[in-house]
Amino acid sequence: MANIIFKKTNLFLNKLNNTAKIIILIMMIIMVPIVIANVLLRFLFGKSIICSTEISKYAFVWITFLGAAIALKEDSHAKVEFILDGFLKKIKKFLKLLNYLTIIGLSIIFIIVGIKQVIATLNICSPYMRFLPLGYIYLIIPLSGFLILLFSFGHILELFKKEKVD
């Protein structure tokens, strides 16, 4: 029964991870041509696209926050593994658990502060793109915090599943 729950949870987290990757791809598809066009226009004609800086900045922020969540899910953040290698299995597992619990605590802060920021900026529009409330841009803070929270729980489940298999 626990194995089925673990598999379904892992499948759900993988789908969330893939969705985040698709959003990053979309942001890159939007950002890269705009930046290239802006550079060419500025170089060739001395003029630039008015909102290109905002679009690229907002897309980059979304890419960064989603990328951090994906890196956590895929366990690809920069880390110093050789320090953990010197510990016994139980201590190593405890330190990993402590690491994920710390990340969960920080992700909860991201969610709470992010929601407050979204609410505070929903009525403020972007300087050049007047149709876009800044709250939608800041939505990535609680969204990435929620993804990080879920991915951390997934890693904790994996730690305890490995314990039962070992």
Foldseek 3Di string as FASTA:
>chain_A
DLVVVLVVLLVVLVVVLVVLVVLLVVLCVVLVVQVVQQVCCCVPPVDGDPCNVVSNVLSVVSNVLSVVLNCLLVVNDDDDCVVLVVDDPVVSLVVLLVVLVVLLVVLVVQQVVLVVVLVVFQPPADPVRRVHTCSVSSNSRNVSSVSSNSSSVSVNSVSVVVVVVD
